[in-house]
Amino acid sequence: MNSSVKPVEVLISPTEFHAAVNSALLQVTCSSLDKRNHTYTMKRNKLGILNHSIIGAIGEIAFAKFADRFFIPQVNTFHGIPDCFEDIEVRTSDKNLTLITRDDDSPDRKYVKVMTNGNKALIVGWLYGHETRRDEFFKSSEGQRDCWMTPHEYLKHPSTIFEKALDLENMEDIEW
């Protein structure tokens, strides 16, 4: 447990907010045309779905800004390709104080928790999917969508997400 992790604040400009709204609107429209079911974990109407999608897009924009990378919105790629870069999924909320992962999330990807109020975002921290799957974090939702809810104090600092892990198994292959 790392209770000393301080979130990184990212300001969201009006232009970035506009990009998030447009990205979310496109995503919700395409998903509706594809007849995707957005209400499988929460009972939401179209406005609730759009709000949830805007919050998600703000998180992705904030993380890209934090990483000093360009934001490229993805449409209907959920679980197919990562949200950001080669192996990073962004989980954003406006009130939930946990990083939520589910059994259909890749255990090998990195999951970043972002919180937002629309004007700013807090990059809270991250973990690999397999690191979130601890018994004490498991929450059953009575047959709907079980999940792991990892409290923020267990997350790694955002600044460490791009550090390469040392491959101890292949150390003998390195010429010293």
N, C-alpha and C. Protein backbone atom coordinates (compact mmCIF):
# COMPACT_ATOMS: atom_id res chain seq x y z
N MET A 1 0.85 -1.18 0.00
CA MET A 1 0.00 0.00 0.00
C MET A 1 0.89 1.24 0.00
N ASN A 2 0.54 2.19 -0.85
CA ASN A 2 1.33 3.41 -0.97
C ASN A 2 0.44 4.62 -0.70
N SER A 3 0.34 5.01 0.54
CA SER A 3 -0.54 6.12 0.90
C SER A 3 0.07 7.48 0.58
N SER A 4 1.33 7.51 0.12
CA SER A 4 1.99 8.77 -0.17
C SER A 4 1.82 9.22 -1.63
N VAL A 5 1.07 8.47 -2.43
CA VAL A 5 0.88 8.83 -3.83
C VAL A 5 0.04 10.10 -3.92
N LYS A 6 0.58 11.09 -4.57
CA LYS A 6 -0.12 12.35 -4.78
C LYS A 6 -0.57 12.40 -6.24
N PRO A 7 -1.85 12.63 -6.48
CA PRO A 7 -2.32 12.71 -7.87
C PRO A 7 -1.67 13.87 -8.62
N VAL A 8 -1.60 13.73 -9.93
CA VAL A 8 -1.09 14.79 -10.79
C VAL A 8 -2.28 15.53 -11.38
N GLU A 9 -2.32 16.84 -11.18
CA GLU A 9 -3.44 17.65 -11.68
C GLU A 9 -3.18 18.08 -13.12
N VAL A 10 -4.21 17.94 -13.94
CA VAL A 10 -4.16 18.36 -15.34
C VAL A 10 -5.36 19.26 -15.59
N LEU A 11 -5.13 20.47 -16.05
CA LEU A 11 -6.22 21.39 -16.37
C LEU A 11 -6.80 21.05 -17.74
N ILE A 12 -8.11 21.11 -17.85
CA ILE A 12 -8.79 20.82 -19.10
C ILE A 12 -9.24 22.15 -19.71
N SER A 13 -8.71 22.47 -20.87
CA SER A 13 -9.07 23.73 -21.53
C SER A 13 -10.45 23.61 -22.17
N PRO A 14 -11.08 24.73 -22.49
CA PRO A 14 -12.37 24.66 -23.18
C PRO A 14 -12.28 23.87 -24.50
N THR A 15 -11.19 24.00 -25.22
CA THR A 15 -11.01 23.26 -26.47
C THR A 15 -10.92 21.76 -26.20
N GLU A 16 -10.21 21.39 -25.15
CA GLU A 16 -10.09 19.96 -24.80
C GLU A 16 -11.43 19.40 -24.32
N PHE A 17 -12.18 20.20 -23.58
CA PHE A 17 -13.52 19.77 -23.17
C PHE A 17 -14.40 19.56 -24.39
N HIS A 18 -14.32 20.47 -25.33
CA HIS A 18 -15.08 20.36 -26.58
C HIS A 18 -14.69 19.07 -27.32
N ALA A 19 -13.40 18.78 -27.38
CA ALA A 19 -12.94 17.55 -28.04
C ALA A 19 -13.49 16.31 -27.32
N ALA A 20 -13.55 16.36 -25.99
CA ALA A 20 -14.09 15.23 -25.23
C ALA A 20 -15.57 15.03 -25.53
N VAL A 21 -16.32 16.11 -25.59
CA VAL A 21 -17.75 16.02 -25.88
C VAL A 21 -17.96 15.44 -27.28
N ASN A 22 -17.20 15.94 -28.25
CA ASN A 22 -17.34 15.44 -29.63
C ASN A 22 -16.94 13.97 -29.74
N SER A 23 -15.87 13.60 -29.07
CA SER A 23 -15.42 12.21 -29.08
C SER A 23 -16.50 11.30 -28.48
N ALA A 24 -17.05 11.72 -27.34
CA ALA A 24 -18.09 10.93 -26.67
C ALA A 24 -19.35 10.84 -27.53
N LEU A 25 -19.73 11.94 -28.14
CA LEU A 25 -20.92 11.95 -28.98
C LEU A 25 -20.77 10.99 -30.16
N LEU A 26 -19.60 11.00 -30.78
CA LEU A 26 -19.33 10.07 -31.88
C LEU A 26 -19.37 8.62 -31.40
N GLN A 27 -18.76 8.38 -30.25
CA GLN A 27 -18.74 7.02 -29.70
C GLN A 27 -20.15 6.52 -29.40
N VAL A 28 -20.96 7.33 -28.74
CA VAL A 28 -22.32 6.93 -28.38
C VAL A 28 -23.17 6.74 -29.64
N THR A 29 -23.03 7.63 -30.61
CA THR A 29 -23.79 7.51 -31.86
C THR A 29 -23.43 6.22 -32.58
N CYS A 30 -22.13 5.94 -32.73
CA CYS A 30 -21.70 4.72 -33.43
C CYS A 30 -22.12 3.47 -32.66
N SER A 31 -22.02 3.51 -31.35
CA SER A 31 -22.44 2.37 -30.54
C SER A 31 -23.94 2.12 -30.67
N SER A 32 -24.71 3.18 -30.74
CA SER A 32 -26.17 3.03 -30.91
C SER A 32 -26.48 2.43 -32.28
N LEU A 33 -25.77 2.89 -33.30
CA LEU A 33 -25.98 2.33 -34.64
C LEU A 33 -25.60 0.85 -34.69
N ASP A 34 -24.58 0.47 -33.91
CA ASP A 34 -24.15 -0.93 -33.85
C ASP A 34 -24.99 -1.75 -32.87
N LYS A 35 -25.96 -1.08 -32.22
CA LYS A 35 -26.85 -1.71 -31.24
C LYS A 35 -26.10 -2.32 -30.05
N ARG A 36 -25.06 -1.61 -29.58
CA ARG A 36 -24.34 -2.03 -28.38
C ARG A 36 -25.15 -1.69 -27.14
N ASN A 37 -25.09 -2.54 -26.14
CA ASN A 37 -25.85 -2.34 -24.92
C ASN A 37 -24.97 -1.63 -23.89
N HIS A 38 -25.28 -0.38 -23.60
CA HIS A 38 -24.52 0.41 -22.63
C HIS A 38 -25.03 0.25 -21.21
N THR A 39 -26.13 -0.42 -21.02
CA THR A 39 -26.76 -0.44 -19.70
C THR A 39 -26.51 -1.74 -18.96
N TYR A 40 -25.51 -2.51 -19.37
CA TYR A 40 -25.33 -3.82 -18.74
C TYR A 40 -24.82 -3.76 -17.31
N THR A 41 -24.21 -2.67 -16.88
CA THR A 41 -23.80 -2.58 -15.48
C THR A 41 -24.60 -1.54 -14.71
N MET A 42 -25.09 -0.54 -15.39
CA MET A 42 -25.88 0.50 -14.74
C MET A 42 -27.08 0.79 -15.62
N LYS A 43 -28.19 1.05 -15.02
CA LYS A 43 -29.37 1.45 -15.78
C LYS A 43 -29.23 2.93 -16.12
N ARG A 44 -28.93 3.21 -17.40
CA ARG A 44 -28.72 4.59 -17.82
C ARG A 44 -29.54 4.88 -19.07
N ASN A 45 -30.04 6.10 -19.16
CA ASN A 45 -30.68 6.54 -20.39
C ASN A 45 -29.60 7.10 -21.31
N LYS A 46 -30.00 7.59 -22.48
CA LYS A 46 -29.01 8.09 -23.44
C LYS A 46 -28.19 9.26 -22.88
N LEU A 47 -28.81 10.14 -22.11
CA LEU A 47 -28.05 11.25 -21.53
C LEU A 47 -27.05 10.74 -20.49
N GLY A 48 -27.43 9.74 -19.72
CA GLY A 48 -26.50 9.14 -18.76
C GLY A 48 -25.33 8.46 -19.46
N ILE A 49 -25.62 7.80 -20.56
CA ILE A 49 -24.56 7.15 -21.35
C ILE A 49 -23.62 8.19 -21.92
N LEU A 50 -24.18 9.28 -22.46
CA LEU A 50 -23.34 10.34 -23.02
C LEU A 50 -22.49 10.99 -21.94
N ASN A 51 -23.06 11.28 -20.78
CA ASN A 51 -22.31 11.86 -19.67
C ASN A 51 -21.14 10.95 -19.28
N HIS A 52 -21.42 9.66 -19.14
CA HIS A 52 -20.38 8.69 -18.78
C HIS A 52 -19.26 8.67 -19.84
N SER A 53 -19.66 8.75 -21.10
CA SER A 53 -18.68 8.75 -22.20
C SER A 53 -17.85 10.03 -22.23
N ILE A 54 -18.46 11.17 -21.91
CA ILE A 54 -17.71 12.43 -21.84
C ILE A 54 -16.67 12.35 -20.73
N ILE A 55 -17.08 11.85 -19.57
CA ILE A 55 -16.14 11.71 -18.46
C ILE A 55 -14.96 10.83 -18.87
N GLY A 56 -15.25 9.72 -19.57
CA GLY A 56 -14.18 8.84 -20.05
C GLY A 56 -13.24 9.53 -21.02
N ALA A 57 -13.81 10.29 -21.96
CA ALA A 57 -12.99 11.00 -22.94
C ALA A 57 -12.13 12.07 -22.28
N ILE A 58 -12.67 12.76 -21.28
CA ILE A 58 -11.87 13.75 -20.54
C ILE A 58 -10.67 13.06 -19.90
N GLY A 59 -10.89 11.90 -19.31
CA GLY A 59 -9.79 11.16 -18.69
C GLY A 59 -8.70 10.78 -19.69
N GLU A 60 -9.12 10.35 -20.88
CA GLU A 60 -8.14 9.98 -21.91
C GLU A 60 -7.37 11.20 -22.39
N ILE A 61 -8.06 12.32 -22.58
CA ILE A 61 -7.40 13.56 -22.99
C ILE A 61 -6.42 14.01 -21.90
N ALA A 62 -6.86 13.97 -20.65
CA ALA A 62 -5.99 14.39 -19.54
C ALA A 62 -4.75 13.50 -19.46
N PHE A 63 -4.94 12.19 -19.63
CA PHE A 63 -3.77 11.31 -19.55
C PHE A 63 -2.82 11.56 -20.70
N ALA A 64 -3.34 11.76 -21.91
CA ALA A 64 -2.47 12.06 -23.05
C ALA A 64 -1.71 13.37 -22.82
N LYS A 65 -2.38 14.36 -22.25
CA LYS A 65 -1.73 15.63 -21.94
C LYS A 65 -0.63 15.43 -20.89
N PHE A 66 -0.93 14.66 -19.86
CA PHE A 66 0.05 14.31 -18.82
C PHE A 66 1.28 13.64 -19.45
N ALA A 67 1.04 12.75 -20.41
CA ALA A 67 2.13 12.00 -21.05
C ALA A 67 2.80 12.78 -22.17
N ASP A 68 2.32 14.01 -22.42
CA ASP A 68 2.86 14.85 -23.49
C ASP A 68 2.74 14.16 -24.85
N ARG A 69 1.57 13.57 -25.06
CA ARG A 69 1.27 12.89 -26.33
C ARG A 69 -0.02 13.46 -26.90
N PHE A 70 -0.23 13.26 -28.17
CA PHE A 70 -1.43 13.75 -28.85
C PHE A 70 -2.59 12.79 -28.58
N PHE A 71 -3.76 13.33 -28.29
CA PHE A 71 -4.95 12.52 -28.06
C PHE A 71 -5.60 12.15 -29.39
N ILE A 72 -5.77 10.86 -29.61
CA ILE A 72 -6.48 10.36 -30.79
C ILE A 72 -7.67 9.56 -30.29
N PRO A 73 -8.88 10.08 -30.49
CA PRO A 73 -10.05 9.36 -29.98
C PRO A 73 -10.27 8.04 -30.71
N GLN A 74 -10.71 7.05 -29.98
CA GLN A 74 -11.02 5.73 -30.55
C GLN A 74 -12.54 5.55 -30.50
N VAL A 75 -13.08 4.89 -31.48
CA VAL A 75 -14.51 4.64 -31.52
C VAL A 75 -14.76 3.15 -31.61
N ASN A 76 -15.56 2.64 -30.67
CA ASN A 76 -15.96 1.23 -30.65
C ASN A 76 -14.79 0.26 -30.64
N THR A 77 -13.77 0.58 -29.87
CA THR A 77 -12.62 -0.32 -29.76
C THR A 77 -12.48 -0.88 -28.35
N PHE A 78 -13.53 -0.75 -27.53
CA PHE A 78 -13.45 -1.16 -26.14
C PHE A 78 -12.97 -2.60 -26.04
N HIS A 79 -11.91 -2.80 -25.32
CA HIS A 79 -11.25 -4.09 -25.11
C HIS A 79 -10.47 -4.58 -26.33
N GLY A 80 -10.72 -4.01 -27.51
CA GLY A 80 -10.00 -4.45 -28.70
C GLY A 80 -8.58 -3.92 -28.73
N ILE A 81 -8.46 -2.61 -28.58
CA ILE A 81 -7.15 -1.98 -28.48
C ILE A 81 -7.16 -1.09 -27.24
N PRO A 82 -6.01 -0.83 -26.66
CA PRO A 82 -5.96 0.01 -25.46
C PRO A 82 -6.42 1.45 -25.75
N ASP A 83 -6.85 2.13 -24.70
CA ASP A 83 -7.29 3.52 -24.83
C ASP A 83 -6.16 4.43 -25.26
N CYS A 84 -5.00 4.25 -24.67
CA CYS A 84 -3.86 5.14 -24.91
C CYS A 84 -2.60 4.31 -25.13
N PHE A 85 -1.90 4.64 -26.17
CA PHE A 85 -0.59 4.08 -26.44
C PHE A 85 -0.67 2.56 -26.62
N GLU A 86 0.38 1.86 -26.31
CA GLU A 86 0.42 0.44 -26.64
C GLU A 86 -0.25 -0.47 -25.62
N ASP A 87 -0.37 -0.05 -24.37
CA ASP A 87 -0.87 -0.99 -23.36
C ASP A 87 -1.55 -0.32 -22.17
N ILE A 88 -2.14 0.85 -22.39
CA ILE A 88 -2.69 1.61 -21.26
C ILE A 88 -4.20 1.81 -21.44
N GLU A 89 -4.95 1.43 -20.41
CA GLU A 89 -6.39 1.67 -20.35
C GLU A 89 -6.63 2.77 -19.31
N VAL A 90 -7.49 3.71 -19.63
CA VAL A 90 -7.80 4.81 -18.73
C VAL A 90 -9.20 4.59 -18.15
N ARG A 91 -9.31 4.61 -16.85
CA ARG A 91 -10.60 4.47 -16.15
C ARG A 91 -10.86 5.79 -15.43
N THR A 92 -11.93 6.46 -15.84
CA THR A 92 -12.21 7.79 -15.33
C THR A 92 -13.57 7.82 -14.65
N SER A 93 -13.65 8.60 -13.58
CA SER A 93 -14.93 8.82 -12.92
C SER A 93 -14.96 10.22 -12.34
N ASP A 94 -16.14 10.62 -11.94
CA ASP A 94 -16.27 11.91 -11.28
C ASP A 94 -16.47 11.76 -9.78
N LYS A 95 -16.60 10.51 -9.30
CA LYS A 95 -16.83 10.34 -7.87
C LYS A 95 -16.31 9.04 -7.28
N ASN A 96 -16.07 8.02 -8.07
CA ASN A 96 -15.66 6.72 -7.54
C ASN A 96 -14.22 6.75 -7.07
N LEU A 97 -13.98 6.33 -5.84
CA LEU A 97 -12.63 6.39 -5.25
C LEU A 97 -11.88 5.07 -5.36
N THR A 98 -12.17 4.31 -6.42
CA THR A 98 -11.44 3.07 -6.66
C THR A 98 -11.13 2.96 -8.15
N LEU A 99 -10.14 2.14 -8.46
CA LEU A 99 -9.84 1.75 -9.83
C LEU A 99 -10.60 0.46 -10.08
N ILE A 100 -11.53 0.47 -11.02
CA ILE A 100 -12.37 -0.69 -11.29
C ILE A 100 -11.83 -1.46 -12.49
N THR A 101 -11.63 -2.77 -12.30
CA THR A 101 -11.31 -3.67 -13.40
C THR A 101 -12.27 -4.84 -13.33
N ARG A 102 -12.41 -5.52 -14.47
CA ARG A 102 -13.34 -6.64 -14.57
C ARG A 102 -12.65 -7.85 -15.19
N ASP A 103 -13.33 -8.98 -15.14
CA ASP A 103 -12.71 -10.22 -15.59
C ASP A 103 -12.40 -10.24 -17.09
N ASP A 104 -13.04 -9.38 -17.89
CA ASP A 104 -12.73 -9.34 -19.32
C ASP A 104 -11.67 -8.28 -19.65
N ASP A 105 -11.09 -7.65 -18.63
CA ASP A 105 -9.98 -6.72 -18.83
C ASP A 105 -8.68 -7.51 -18.90
N SER A 106 -7.80 -7.11 -19.80
CA SER A 106 -6.51 -7.79 -19.95
C SER A 106 -5.68 -7.66 -18.68
N PRO A 107 -5.18 -8.76 -18.14
CA PRO A 107 -4.34 -8.68 -16.95
C PRO A 107 -2.97 -8.07 -17.22
N ASP A 108 -2.57 -8.00 -18.50
CA ASP A 108 -1.24 -7.50 -18.85
C ASP A 108 -1.20 -6.02 -19.19
N ARG A 109 -2.35 -5.39 -19.32
CA ARG A 109 -2.37 -3.96 -19.61
C ARG A 109 -2.25 -3.15 -18.32
N LYS A 110 -1.87 -1.89 -18.48
CA LYS A 110 -1.80 -0.96 -17.36
C LYS A 110 -3.13 -0.22 -17.28
N TYR A 111 -3.65 -0.07 -16.07
CA TYR A 111 -4.92 0.61 -15.85
C TYR A 111 -4.68 1.86 -15.01
N VAL A 112 -5.03 3.01 -15.59
CA VAL A 112 -4.81 4.31 -14.96
C VAL A 112 -6.13 4.83 -14.43
N LYS A 113 -6.12 5.31 -13.21
CA LYS A 113 -7.32 5.92 -12.63
C LYS A 113 -7.22 7.43 -12.74
N VAL A 114 -8.26 8.02 -13.32
CA VAL A 114 -8.37 9.47 -13.47
C VAL A 114 -9.70 9.90 -12.85
N MET A 115 -9.68 11.00 -12.16
CA MET A 115 -10.90 11.62 -11.62
C MET A 115 -11.04 12.99 -12.27
N THR A 116 -12.28 13.39 -12.56
CA THR A 116 -12.47 14.69 -13.20
C THR A 116 -13.76 15.36 -12.74
N ASN A 117 -13.73 16.68 -12.81
CA ASN A 117 -14.95 17.46 -12.60
C ASN A 117 -15.28 18.25 -13.87
N GLY A 118 -14.54 17.98 -14.94
CA GLY A 118 -14.75 18.67 -16.21
C GLY A 118 -13.79 19.81 -16.44
N ASN A 119 -13.40 20.52 -15.38
CA ASN A 119 -12.45 21.63 -15.50
C ASN A 119 -11.02 21.18 -15.33
N LYS A 120 -10.85 20.16 -14.52
CA LYS A 120 -9.52 19.61 -14.31
C LYS A 120 -9.66 18.10 -14.10
N ALA A 121 -8.54 17.44 -14.20
CA ALA A 121 -8.51 16.00 -13.97
C ALA A 121 -7.35 15.69 -13.04
N LEU A 122 -7.51 14.66 -12.26
CA LEU A 122 -6.44 14.17 -11.40
C LEU A 122 -6.03 12.80 -11.90
N ILE A 123 -4.77 12.67 -12.31
CA ILE A 123 -4.23 11.36 -12.66
C ILE A 123 -3.83 10.75 -11.33
N VAL A 124 -4.62 9.80 -10.84
CA VAL A 124 -4.48 9.30 -9.48
C VAL A 124 -3.34 8.29 -9.36
N GLY A 125 -3.28 7.35 -10.27
CA GLY A 125 -2.26 6.31 -10.21
C GLY A 125 -2.61 5.16 -11.14
N TRP A 126 -1.85 4.09 -11.05
CA TRP A 126 -2.06 2.99 -11.98
C TRP A 126 -1.59 1.66 -11.40
N LEU A 127 -2.05 0.59 -12.00
CA LEU A 127 -1.61 -0.78 -11.72
C LEU A 127 -1.79 -1.62 -12.97
N TYR A 128 -1.02 -2.71 -13.06
CA TYR A 128 -1.30 -3.71 -14.08
C TYR A 128 -2.61 -4.40 -13.72
N GLY A 129 -3.33 -4.88 -14.71
CA GLY A 129 -4.59 -5.56 -14.47
C GLY A 129 -4.46 -6.70 -13.47
N HIS A 130 -3.41 -7.50 -13.60
CA HIS A 130 -3.25 -8.64 -12.68
C HIS A 130 -2.99 -8.19 -11.25
N GLU A 131 -2.46 -6.97 -11.07
CA GLU A 131 -2.21 -6.46 -9.72
C GLU A 131 -3.49 -6.01 -9.02
N THR A 132 -4.53 -5.75 -9.80
CA THR A 132 -5.80 -5.32 -9.21
C THR A 132 -6.63 -6.50 -8.72
N ARG A 133 -6.30 -7.68 -9.17
CA ARG A 133 -7.13 -8.87 -8.90
C ARG A 133 -6.78 -9.52 -7.56
N ARG A 134 -7.03 -8.78 -6.52
CA ARG A 134 -6.79 -9.28 -5.17
C ARG A 134 -8.13 -9.61 -4.52
N ASP A 135 -8.15 -10.67 -3.75
CA ASP A 135 -9.40 -11.11 -3.13
C ASP A 135 -10.08 -10.01 -2.33
N GLU A 136 -9.30 -9.22 -1.61
CA GLU A 136 -9.91 -8.18 -0.77
C GLU A 136 -10.54 -7.05 -1.58
N PHE A 137 -10.23 -6.95 -2.88
CA PHE A 137 -10.81 -5.91 -3.73
C PHE A 137 -12.00 -6.40 -4.54
N PHE A 138 -12.26 -7.71 -4.51
CA PHE A 138 -13.32 -8.30 -5.33
C PHE A 138 -14.70 -7.92 -4.81
N LYS A 139 -15.56 -7.50 -5.72
CA LYS A 139 -16.94 -7.15 -5.37
C LYS A 139 -17.88 -7.91 -6.30
N SER A 140 -18.77 -8.69 -5.72
CA SER A 140 -19.76 -9.40 -6.51
C SER A 140 -20.96 -8.49 -6.72
N SER A 141 -21.44 -8.46 -7.94
CA SER A 141 -22.64 -7.66 -8.23
C SER A 141 -23.80 -8.58 -8.58
N GLU A 142 -23.84 -9.69 -7.88
CA GLU A 142 -24.95 -10.64 -7.98
C GLU A 142 -25.28 -11.02 -9.41
N GLY A 143 -24.25 -11.51 -10.11
CA GLY A 143 -24.45 -12.04 -11.45
C GLY A 143 -24.43 -11.03 -12.57
N GLN A 144 -24.33 -9.74 -12.26
CA GLN A 144 -24.29 -8.77 -13.35
C GLN A 144 -22.86 -8.66 -13.87
N ARG A 145 -22.05 -7.77 -13.33
CA ARG A 145 -20.65 -7.66 -13.75
C ARG A 145 -19.79 -7.54 -12.52
N ASP A 146 -19.27 -8.67 -12.06
CA ASP A 146 -18.36 -8.65 -10.92
C ASP A 146 -17.14 -7.82 -11.27
N CYS A 147 -16.49 -7.29 -10.24
CA CYS A 147 -15.33 -6.44 -10.51
C CYS A 147 -14.38 -6.44 -9.32
N TRP A 148 -13.19 -5.88 -9.56
CA TRP A 148 -12.23 -5.59 -8.51
C TRP A 148 -12.22 -4.08 -8.35
N MET A 149 -12.37 -3.61 -7.12
CA MET A 149 -12.38 -2.17 -6.84
C MET A 149 -11.16 -1.86 -5.97
N THR A 150 -10.09 -1.43 -6.62
CA THR A 150 -8.82 -1.17 -5.94
C THR A 150 -8.81 0.25 -5.39
N PRO A 151 -8.68 0.41 -4.08
CA PRO A 151 -8.63 1.76 -3.50
C PRO A 151 -7.41 2.54 -4.01
N HIS A 152 -7.57 3.84 -4.09
CA HIS A 152 -6.51 4.70 -4.63
C HIS A 152 -5.18 4.54 -3.90
N GLU A 153 -5.21 4.29 -2.61
CA GLU A 153 -3.95 4.23 -1.86
C GLU A 153 -3.08 3.04 -2.26
N TYR A 154 -3.59 2.11 -3.05
CA TYR A 154 -2.81 0.96 -3.51
C TYR A 154 -2.18 1.20 -4.89
N LEU A 155 -2.46 2.33 -5.50
CA LEU A 155 -1.99 2.60 -6.85
C LEU A 155 -0.56 3.14 -6.85
N LYS A 156 0.14 2.88 -7.95
CA LYS A 156 1.49 3.42 -8.15
C LYS A 156 1.39 4.86 -8.65
N HIS A 157 2.42 5.65 -8.38
CA HIS A 157 2.41 7.04 -8.80
C HIS A 157 2.36 7.13 -10.33
N PRO A 158 1.60 8.08 -10.85
CA PRO A 158 1.49 8.21 -12.31
C PRO A 158 2.82 8.37 -13.03
N SER A 159 3.79 9.00 -12.40
CA SER A 159 5.08 9.24 -13.07
C SER A 159 5.84 7.96 -13.37
N THR A 160 5.45 6.84 -12.76
CA THR A 160 6.18 5.59 -12.97
C THR A 160 5.61 4.72 -14.09
N ILE A 161 4.55 5.16 -14.72
CA ILE A 161 3.86 4.29 -15.68
C ILE A 161 4.69 3.97 -16.92
N PHE A 162 5.61 4.85 -17.30
CA PHE A 162 6.40 4.61 -18.50
C PHE A 162 7.76 3.98 -18.21
N GLU A 163 8.04 3.69 -16.95
CA GLU A 163 9.29 3.03 -16.61
C GLU A 163 9.24 1.58 -17.09
N LYS A 164 10.33 1.12 -17.66
CA LYS A 164 10.40 -0.26 -18.12
C LYS A 164 10.69 -1.17 -16.94
N ALA A 165 9.98 -2.28 -16.90
CA ALA A 165 10.22 -3.27 -15.84
C ALA A 165 11.51 -4.02 -16.14
N LEU A 166 12.26 -4.29 -15.13
CA LEU A 166 13.50 -5.05 -15.27
C LEU A 166 13.15 -6.52 -15.44
N ASP A 167 13.62 -7.11 -16.54
CA ASP A 167 13.32 -8.51 -16.84
C ASP A 167 14.39 -9.39 -16.19
N LEU A 168 14.13 -9.79 -14.96
CA LEU A 168 15.12 -10.57 -14.21
C LEU A 168 15.32 -11.96 -14.79
N GLU A 169 14.32 -12.50 -15.44
CA GLU A 169 14.45 -13.85 -16.01
C GLU A 169 15.46 -13.91 -17.14
N ASN A 170 15.65 -12.81 -17.85
CA ASN A 170 16.55 -12.81 -18.99
C ASN A 170 17.86 -12.05 -18.72
N MET A 171 18.22 -11.90 -17.47
CA MET A 171 19.45 -11.18 -17.12
C MET A 171 20.68 -11.87 -17.66
N GLU A 172 20.62 -13.19 -17.79
CA GLU A 172 21.82 -13.90 -18.27
C GLU A 172 22.10 -13.60 -19.73
N ASP A 173 21.13 -13.08 -20.47
CA ASP A 173 21.33 -12.75 -21.88
C ASP A 173 22.04 -11.42 -22.08
N ILE A 174 22.20 -10.65 -21.02
CA ILE A 174 22.81 -9.32 -21.13
C ILE A 174 24.33 -9.46 -21.05
N GLU A 175 25.01 -8.81 -22.01
CA GLU A 175 26.47 -8.80 -21.97
C GLU A 175 26.93 -7.69 -21.04
N TRP A 176 27.72 -8.03 -20.06
CA TRP A 176 28.19 -7.07 -19.09
C TRP A 176 29.52 -6.57 -19.46
